[in-house]
Protein backbone atom coordinates (compact mmCIF):
# COMPACT_ATOMS: atom_id res chain seq x y z
CA UNK A 1 22.09 2.90 7.83
CA UNK A 2 21.43 -0.69 8.82
CA UNK A 3 20.04 -2.64 5.83
CA UNK A 4 16.64 -4.27 6.05
CA UNK A 5 17.86 -7.84 6.21
CA UNK A 6 14.94 -9.44 8.01
CA UNK A 7 12.40 -9.15 5.19
CA UNK A 8 11.54 -12.43 3.45
CA UNK A 9 10.17 -13.78 0.21
CA UNK A 10 9.48 -17.33 -0.83
CA UNK A 11 10.57 -18.70 -4.20
CA UNK A 12 9.91 -22.35 -4.91
CA UNK A 13 9.81 -23.08 -1.21
CA UNK A 14 13.09 -21.26 -0.45
CA UNK A 15 12.94 -18.46 2.14
CA UNK A 16 14.79 -15.51 0.60
CA UNK A 17 15.19 -11.79 1.12
CA UNK A 18 14.77 -9.90 -2.13
CA UNK A 19 18.09 -10.22 -3.97
CA UNK A 20 19.75 -10.93 -0.65
CA UNK A 21 20.08 -14.50 -1.89
CA UNK A 22 17.80 -15.64 0.71
CA UNK A 23 18.66 -15.62 4.22
CA UNK A 24 16.17 -16.90 6.68
CA UNK A 25 17.74 -15.03 9.53
CA UNK A 26 20.81 -14.06 7.87
CA UNK A 27 22.64 -11.11 6.54
CA UNK A 28 25.87 -11.87 8.27
CA UNK A 29 28.66 -9.86 6.76
CA UNK A 30 31.61 -12.03 5.95
CA UNK A 31 35.23 -11.46 6.71
CA UNK A 32 38.28 -12.34 4.75
CA UNK A 33 39.47 -15.78 5.62
CA UNK A 34 42.83 -15.83 7.31
CA UNK A 35 45.71 -17.55 5.76
CA UNK A 36 44.99 -16.88 2.07
CA UNK A 37 48.44 -16.43 0.68
CA UNK A 38 49.39 -13.20 -0.99
CA UNK A 39 53.00 -12.14 -0.99
CA UNK A 40 54.44 -13.43 2.29
CA UNK A 41 52.57 -16.11 4.13
CA UNK A 42 52.42 -18.68 1.43
CA UNK A 43 52.74 -17.21 -2.03
CA UNK A 44 55.91 -18.08 -3.83
CA UNK A 45 58.17 -15.30 -5.06
CA UNK A 46 60.21 -15.58 -8.24
CA UNK A 47 62.90 -18.18 -8.15
CA UNK A 48 60.86 -20.46 -5.93
CA UNK A 49 61.37 -18.77 -2.58
CA UNK A 50 58.40 -19.38 -0.35
CA UNK A 51 56.97 -16.82 2.02
CA UNK A 52 56.79 -17.70 5.67
CA UNK A 53 54.46 -20.61 6.30
CA UNK A 54 54.05 -21.49 2.61
CA UNK A 55 55.09 -24.45 0.57
CA UNK A 56 56.68 -23.87 -2.77
CA UNK A 57 56.51 -25.72 -6.04
CA UNK A 58 59.10 -25.71 -8.78
CA UNK A 59 59.88 -22.20 -9.90
CA UNK A 60 57.14 -20.68 -7.75
CA UNK A 61 54.39 -21.79 -10.09
CA UNK A 62 51.27 -23.59 -9.07
CA UNK A 63 51.09 -27.01 -10.56
CA UNK A 64 48.14 -27.67 -12.85
CA UNK A 65 46.92 -24.22 -12.02
CA UNK A 66 46.53 -25.20 -8.36
CA UNK A 67 43.43 -27.25 -7.81
CA UNK A 68 40.78 -25.87 -5.52
CA UNK A 69 39.62 -27.69 -2.45
CA UNK A 70 38.27 -26.75 0.91
CA UNK A 71 40.41 -26.80 4.00
CA UNK A 72 43.68 -25.90 2.36
CA UNK A 73 44.28 -28.95 0.23
CA UNK A 74 46.44 -28.54 -2.80
CA UNK A 75 45.84 -30.15 -6.17
CA UNK A 76 48.58 -32.02 -7.92
CA UNK A 77 51.68 -29.92 -7.99
CA UNK A 78 49.90 -27.06 -6.27
CA UNK A 79 51.28 -25.19 -3.29
CA UNK A 80 49.43 -24.55 -0.09
CA UNK A 81 49.76 -21.72 2.36
CA UNK A 82 48.54 -21.98 5.91
CA UNK A 83 44.76 -22.23 5.80
CA UNK A 84 44.52 -21.25 2.14
CA UNK A 85 44.12 -22.98 -1.17
CA UNK A 86 46.10 -22.61 -4.31
CA UNK A 87 44.39 -21.27 -7.35
CA UNK A 88 42.28 -18.90 -5.26
CA UNK A 89 42.66 -15.86 -3.06
CA UNK A 90 46.34 -15.11 -3.27
CA UNK A 91 47.71 -18.27 -4.77
CA UNK A 92 50.70 -17.85 -6.99
CA UNK A 93 50.18 -17.47 -10.70
CA UNK A 94 52.69 -18.36 -13.34
CA UNK A 95 56.18 -17.13 -12.59
CA UNK A 96 55.36 -16.58 -8.92
CA UNK A 97 52.96 -13.67 -9.50
CA UNK A 98 50.37 -13.39 -6.74
CA UNK A 99 46.73 -12.48 -7.15
CA UNK A 100 45.00 -10.46 -5.90
CA UNK A 101 47.85 -7.92 -5.66
CA UNK A 102 47.27 -7.12 -1.99
CA UNK A 103 45.29 -8.59 0.87
CA UNK A 104 44.93 -12.04 -0.64
CA UNK A 105 41.66 -13.69 0.22
CA UNK A 106 41.55 -17.29 1.23
CA UNK A 107 38.53 -19.26 0.47
CA UNK A 108 36.72 -22.26 -0.06
CA UNK A 109 33.28 -22.31 1.35
CA UNK A 110 32.02 -23.06 -2.14
CA UNK A 111 32.11 -26.43 -3.79
CA UNK A 112 34.48 -26.98 -6.65
CA UNK A 113 32.78 -27.87 -9.86
CA UNK A 114 33.93 -30.62 -12.13
CA UNK A 115 37.39 -30.12 -13.58
CA UNK A 116 38.35 -27.79 -10.76
CA UNK A 117 41.92 -26.91 -11.62
CA UNK A 118 42.86 -23.27 -12.07
CA UNK A 119 42.59 -22.21 -15.66
CA UNK A 120 40.15 -25.03 -16.30
CA UNK A 121 37.36 -24.77 -13.75
CA UNK A 122 33.69 -25.06 -14.33
CA UNK A 123 31.94 -22.42 -12.27
CA UNK A 124 28.67 -24.29 -12.06
CA UNK A 125 27.41 -26.36 -14.94
CA UNK A 126 24.56 -24.05 -15.76
CA UNK A 127 24.03 -25.11 -19.35
CA UNK A 128 24.30 -22.79 -22.31
CA UNK A 129 24.04 -19.10 -21.53
CA UNK A 130 22.41 -16.47 -23.71
CA UNK A 131 25.01 -14.71 -25.80
CA UNK A 132 27.80 -16.78 -24.34
CA UNK A 133 29.62 -16.96 -27.63
CA UNK A 134 31.01 -20.42 -27.07
CA UNK A 135 34.53 -20.50 -25.75
CA UNK A 136 35.05 -16.79 -26.06
CA UNK A 137 38.04 -17.11 -28.35
CA UNK A 138 36.65 -15.29 -31.39
CA UNK A 139 36.20 -11.54 -31.38
CA UNK A 140 33.61 -9.37 -33.06
CA UNK A 141 34.92 -7.51 -36.10
CA UNK A 142 36.83 -4.39 -35.08
CA UNK A 143 36.03 -4.93 -31.40
CA UNK A 144 39.01 -4.57 -29.04
CA UNK A 145 39.34 -3.96 -25.32
CA UNK A 146 40.72 -0.48 -25.95
CA UNK A 147 37.79 0.33 -28.23
CA UNK A 148 35.24 -0.88 -25.68
CA UNK A 149 36.91 1.00 -22.82
CA UNK A 150 37.04 4.24 -24.81
CA UNK A 151 33.37 3.83 -25.73
CA UNK A 152 32.36 3.41 -22.07
CA UNK A 153 34.44 6.47 -21.13
CA UNK A 154 32.84 8.45 -23.96
CA UNK A 155 29.37 7.46 -22.76
CA UNK A 156 29.87 8.81 -19.25
CA UNK A 157 31.46 12.00 -20.62
CA UNK A 158 28.47 12.51 -22.91
CA UNK A 159 26.02 11.73 -20.08
CA UNK A 160 27.57 14.43 -17.88
CA UNK A 161 27.40 16.88 -20.82
CA UNK A 162 23.70 16.01 -21.33
CA UNK A 163 24.29 15.35 -25.02
CA UNK A 164 24.77 12.14 -27.00
CA UNK A 165 26.02 13.96 -30.10
CA UNK A 166 29.59 12.68 -29.67
CA UNK A 167 28.62 9.00 -29.36
CA UNK A 168 28.78 6.50 -32.26
CA UNK A 169 25.08 5.68 -32.19
CA UNK A 170 23.50 3.36 -34.72
CA UNK A 171 20.41 4.67 -36.48
CA UNK A 172 18.31 1.98 -34.78
CA UNK A 173 19.81 2.34 -31.30
CA UNK A 174 17.54 1.31 -28.43
CA UNK A 175 17.89 3.00 -25.02
CA UNK A 176 16.18 2.06 -21.76
CA UNK A 177 16.39 3.48 -18.26
CA UNK A 178 14.80 1.39 -15.50
CA UNK A 179 12.93 -0.62 -18.12
CA UNK A 180 11.41 2.32 -20.00
CA UNK A 181 12.29 2.93 -23.64
CA UNK A 182 13.43 6.56 -23.86
CA UNK A 183 15.21 8.94 -26.21
CA UNK A 184 18.96 8.65 -25.76
CA UNK A 185 20.55 12.00 -24.98
CA UNK A 186 17.23 13.61 -24.08
CA UNK A 187 15.34 11.68 -21.41
CA UNK A 188 15.90 10.30 -17.94
CA UNK A 189 19.25 10.87 -16.28
CA UNK A 190 20.54 12.49 -19.49
CA UNK A 191 18.87 15.68 -18.27
CA UNK A 192 20.50 15.89 -14.83
CA UNK A 193 23.57 13.61 -14.56
CA UNK A 194 26.83 14.94 -13.19
CA UNK A 195 30.43 13.81 -13.64
CA UNK A 196 31.09 10.14 -13.05
CA UNK A 197 32.33 9.42 -9.52
CA UNK A 198 33.75 5.96 -10.22
CA UNK A 199 33.12 2.77 -12.17
CA UNK A 200 34.36 -0.70 -13.07
CA UNK A 201 33.51 -2.49 -16.29
CA UNK A 202 33.47 -5.86 -17.98
CA UNK A 203 34.71 -5.67 -21.56
CA UNK A 204 33.59 -8.56 -23.76
CA UNK A 205 35.24 -8.57 -27.19
CA UNK A 206 33.38 -11.78 -28.13
CA UNK A 207 29.92 -10.19 -28.21
CA UNK A 208 31.26 -6.60 -28.36
CA UNK A 209 29.40 -5.75 -25.17
CA UNK A 210 30.22 -3.89 -21.97
CA UNK A 211 28.70 -3.83 -18.49
CA UNK A 212 29.52 -1.21 -15.89
CA UNK A 213 28.76 -0.76 -12.20
CA UNK A 214 29.08 2.94 -11.46
CA UNK A 215 28.26 5.85 -9.20
CA UNK A 216 26.71 8.79 -11.07
CA UNK A 217 25.46 12.04 -9.48
CA UNK A 218 21.90 13.19 -10.09
CA UNK A 219 22.12 16.79 -8.98
CA UNK A 220 23.62 16.60 -5.48
CA UNK A 221 22.73 12.93 -4.93
CA UNK A 222 25.03 10.06 -5.89
CA UNK A 223 23.20 7.10 -7.44
CA UNK A 224 24.10 3.44 -7.98
CA UNK A 225 24.09 3.01 -11.75
CA UNK A 226 24.34 0.11 -14.17
CA UNK A 227 25.17 0.42 -17.87
CA UNK A 228 25.13 -2.16 -20.66
CA UNK A 229 26.32 -1.31 -24.16
CA UNK A 230 26.08 -3.50 -27.26
CA UNK A 231 28.00 -2.53 -30.38
CA UNK A 232 27.81 -3.71 -33.98
CA UNK A 233 30.26 -2.48 -36.60
CA UNK A 234 31.64 -0.06 -33.99
CA UNK A 235 28.26 1.59 -33.48
CA UNK A 236 26.16 1.44 -30.32
CA UNK A 237 22.95 -0.50 -30.99
CA UNK A 238 21.76 -1.18 -27.42
CA UNK A 239 21.95 0.91 -24.25
CA UNK A 240 20.46 -0.51 -21.05
CA UNK A 241 20.71 1.51 -17.84
CA UNK A 242 19.50 1.25 -14.25
CA UNK A 243 19.59 4.42 -12.15
CA UNK A 244 18.62 3.74 -8.53
CA UNK A 245 17.01 6.59 -6.62
CA UNK A 246 16.03 6.29 -2.93
CA UNK A 247 13.02 4.02 -2.58
CA UNK A 248 13.49 2.38 -6.02
CA UNK A 249 14.52 -0.92 -4.44
CA UNK A 250 12.24 -2.37 -1.80
CA UNK A 251 12.20 -5.58 0.21
CA UNK A 252 8.68 -6.51 1.29
CA UNK A 253 7.57 -2.95 0.82
CA UNK A 254 10.40 -1.36 2.82
CA UNK A 255 13.08 0.71 1.11
CA UNK A 256 16.51 -0.90 1.06
CA UNK A 257 19.23 1.71 1.54
CA UNK A 258 21.94 2.14 -1.10
CA UNK A 259 25.59 2.74 -0.24
CA UNK A 260 27.46 4.33 -3.14
CA UNK A 261 30.58 4.66 -1.01
CA UNK A 262 30.77 0.88 -0.69
CA UNK A 263 30.56 0.52 -4.48
CA UNK A 264 33.50 2.88 -4.90
CA UNK A 265 35.52 1.25 -2.11
CA UNK A 266 34.96 -2.32 -3.32
CA UNK A 267 37.76 -2.02 -5.85
CA UNK A 268 40.25 -1.75 -2.99
CA UNK A 269 39.69 -5.42 -2.18
CA UNK A 270 38.07 -6.88 -5.31
CA UNK A 271 40.41 -5.33 -7.91
CA UNK A 272 37.59 -5.52 -10.45
CA UNK A 273 39.51 -4.57 -13.59
CA UNK A 274 42.83 -6.08 -12.53
CA UNK A 275 43.90 -8.68 -15.10
CA UNK A 276 43.85 -12.22 -13.69
CA UNK A 277 47.06 -14.24 -14.25
CA UNK A 278 46.56 -16.62 -17.16
CA UNK A 279 46.96 -19.75 -15.00
CA UNK A 280 44.09 -18.57 -12.77
CA UNK A 281 41.68 -17.36 -15.45
CA UNK A 282 38.38 -19.11 -15.95
CA UNK A 283 37.11 -19.66 -19.46
CA UNK A 284 34.34 -17.65 -21.07
CA UNK A 285 31.97 -20.60 -20.83
CA UNK A 286 32.77 -21.14 -17.14
CA UNK A 287 32.07 -17.50 -16.29
CA UNK A 288 28.79 -17.33 -18.22
CA UNK A 289 27.65 -20.75 -16.97
CA UNK A 290 28.11 -19.61 -13.37
CA UNK A 291 25.66 -16.71 -13.65
CA UNK A 292 23.33 -18.69 -15.93
CA UNK A 293 22.95 -21.38 -13.26
CA UNK A 294 22.67 -18.71 -10.55
CA UNK A 295 19.59 -17.26 -12.26
CA UNK A 296 17.98 -20.51 -13.41
CA UNK A 297 17.80 -22.26 -10.03
CA UNK A 298 18.10 -19.29 -7.65
CA UNK A 299 18.85 -19.50 -4.75
CA UNK A 300 20.13 -23.06 -5.25
CA UNK A 301 22.69 -22.16 -7.92
CA UNK A 302 25.14 -20.20 -5.80
CA UNK A 303 28.23 -22.38 -6.29
CA UNK A 304 31.98 -21.98 -5.86
CA UNK A 305 31.89 -18.92 -3.60
CA UNK A 306 34.94 -18.18 -1.46
CA UNK A 307 34.43 -17.99 2.30
CA UNK A 308 35.33 -14.29 2.07
CA UNK A 309 32.87 -13.60 -0.77
CA UNK A 310 30.58 -10.63 -0.18
CA UNK A 311 27.43 -9.55 -1.95
CA UNK A 312 26.38 -5.91 -2.23
CA UNK A 313 22.96 -4.73 -3.37
CA UNK A 314 23.16 -1.17 -4.68
CA UNK A 315 26.24 -1.05 -2.46
CA UNK A 316 24.25 -1.94 0.66
CA UNK A 317 24.07 -5.04 2.78
CA UNK A 318 27.53 -6.57 2.62
CA UNK A 319 26.01 -10.04 2.89
CA UNK A 320 27.93 -13.29 2.81
CA UNK A 321 27.52 -14.75 -0.68
CA UNK A 322 26.49 -18.11 0.78
CA UNK A 323 23.87 -16.73 3.21
CA UNK A 324 20.57 -18.48 2.59
CA UNK A 325 21.91 -20.04 -0.60
CA UNK A 326 22.97 -23.48 -1.77
CA UNK A 327 24.71 -25.20 -4.68
CA UNK A 328 22.56 -27.63 -6.60
CA UNK A 329 24.51 -30.29 -8.46
CA UNK A 330 24.23 -30.76 -12.18
CA UNK A 331 22.85 -28.80 -15.09
CA UNK A 332 19.66 -26.82 -14.44
CA UNK A 333 16.49 -28.17 -16.01
CA UNK A 334 12.90 -27.03 -16.14
CA UNK A 335 11.52 -23.51 -16.05
CA UNK A 336 14.11 -20.93 -14.92
CA UNK A 337 13.39 -19.18 -11.64
CA UNK A 338 14.81 -15.95 -13.06
CA UNK A 339 14.89 -15.20 -16.79
CA UNK A 340 17.96 -13.36 -18.06
CA UNK A 341 18.16 -11.46 -21.32
CA UNK A 342 21.89 -10.76 -21.44
CA UNK A 343 24.82 -12.79 -20.12
CA UNK A 344 28.46 -12.26 -21.08
CA UNK A 345 31.96 -12.15 -19.61
CA UNK A 346 35.40 -10.56 -19.55
CA UNK A 347 37.90 -13.42 -19.27
CA UNK A 348 40.93 -11.13 -18.85
CA UNK A 349 39.52 -9.50 -15.71
CA UNK A 350 37.53 -12.52 -14.53
CA UNK A 351 34.25 -10.61 -14.55
CA UNK A 352 30.91 -12.18 -15.43
CA UNK A 353 27.64 -10.30 -15.88
CA UNK A 354 23.93 -11.06 -16.13
CA UNK A 355 20.89 -8.84 -16.67
CA UNK A 356 17.39 -9.98 -15.72
CA UNK A 357 14.05 -9.08 -14.17
CA UNK A 358 14.56 -9.93 -10.51
CA UNK A 359 11.15 -10.20 -8.88
CA UNK A 360 9.89 -6.88 -10.21
CA UNK A 361 13.29 -5.18 -10.38
CA UNK A 362 15.49 -4.32 -13.33
CA UNK A 363 18.70 -6.04 -12.30
CA UNK A 364 22.37 -6.37 -13.19
CA UNK A 365 24.53 -8.92 -11.38
CA UNK A 366 28.29 -8.53 -11.76
CA UNK A 367 30.82 -10.88 -10.16
CA UNK A 368 34.57 -11.44 -9.90
CA UNK A 369 35.88 -14.98 -10.40
CA UNK A 370 39.37 -16.47 -10.62
CA UNK A 371 40.89 -19.83 -9.85
CA UNK A 372 37.40 -21.32 -10.04
CA UNK A 373 36.07 -19.31 -7.09
CA UNK A 374 33.81 -16.26 -6.87
CA UNK A 375 35.05 -13.48 -4.57
CA UNK A 376 32.42 -10.74 -4.96
CA UNK A 377 28.86 -10.49 -6.28
CA UNK A 378 27.30 -7.05 -6.74
CA UNK A 379 23.78 -6.23 -7.87
CA UNK A 380 22.33 -2.96 -9.16
CA UNK A 381 18.54 -3.06 -9.19
CA UNK A 382 15.51 -0.83 -9.11
CA UNK A 383 11.78 -1.36 -9.45
CA UNK A 384 10.35 -1.85 -12.95
CA UNK A 385 7.41 -3.66 -14.49
CA UNK A 386 9.55 -4.82 -17.41
CA UNK A 387 13.25 -4.58 -18.25
CA UNK A 388 12.38 -3.39 -21.75
CA UNK A 389 14.41 -6.32 -23.06
CA UNK A 390 12.33 -9.25 -21.81
CA UNK A 391 11.45 -10.37 -25.32
């Protein structure tokens, strides 16, 4: 079904489609830029052998992480493939490892932020983010990636069984679905959910939080689904969910069609949970600052997006990330355009997450970032009067 891309809303004088990042006239699905090196065609293999058309640095490693620049310019010591940039979309990581694993994306329609070398980029100087946890080095007591992953898996197993009895729930656990405070294990999708169809998650050991974009059946209908878990002392204290039924998300009064198949297929190109090579990882602060700025000055905070970056809304749309958007310089000031209540990140996988009330919709934004560039932005959102977490 063709998405309703011609609806418009105005925010602070900017013409935007609801969550479509604005696009006066423009959905415009993007295509992968040609020439982004991955494997042959510019990424260096071990021992310093270059693929056809690619330059090679010593030992096949990008120098200084490979600085980002538009138009295929390398930073000091960085290597350049034809039409691509090092440090993003298929540039070599340490030891000649390429990322992403297949179908490397070239990019650089976004501006590089200050300090734009891989492993040390600033993805938009958005100021301090809620729950950012500083540099992300410290971990919550007893909180590991394996523990968080197993907890997410256990949640979806329990949801399909329509019982929360097996979950490590705190006595004061709070559960919301589409902004309504409900009884966990008893209300909402807990009554009707089927077996999980697919999901990808951000695992943040700093705040001991998880965020998941998923596809969950409700009877015979597959739904876009967002899940946030917060744990303290290995017990779940917060559960925030968004379950999007047909008609839940509207643009100017017209229903915007979901596409759960696109959510499931996105991992083929985005590699959501694939670990980013260390030399190409952004810091915790850089990941959280990117989404913090995105919300605060929307749609003027959409910085450092690759030319191939796509944005999905409940799986639908496949918009270009830069459509109708811009990148405002500097740190945001003044009243935020969009107020977030949870922002955190998974530095290993290069995933950042933000939850907010997006113009009358409960909303989760999840994005993939490496080498200082953003390659995918997905949103799960459905109508609500309050997120249930606004205060």
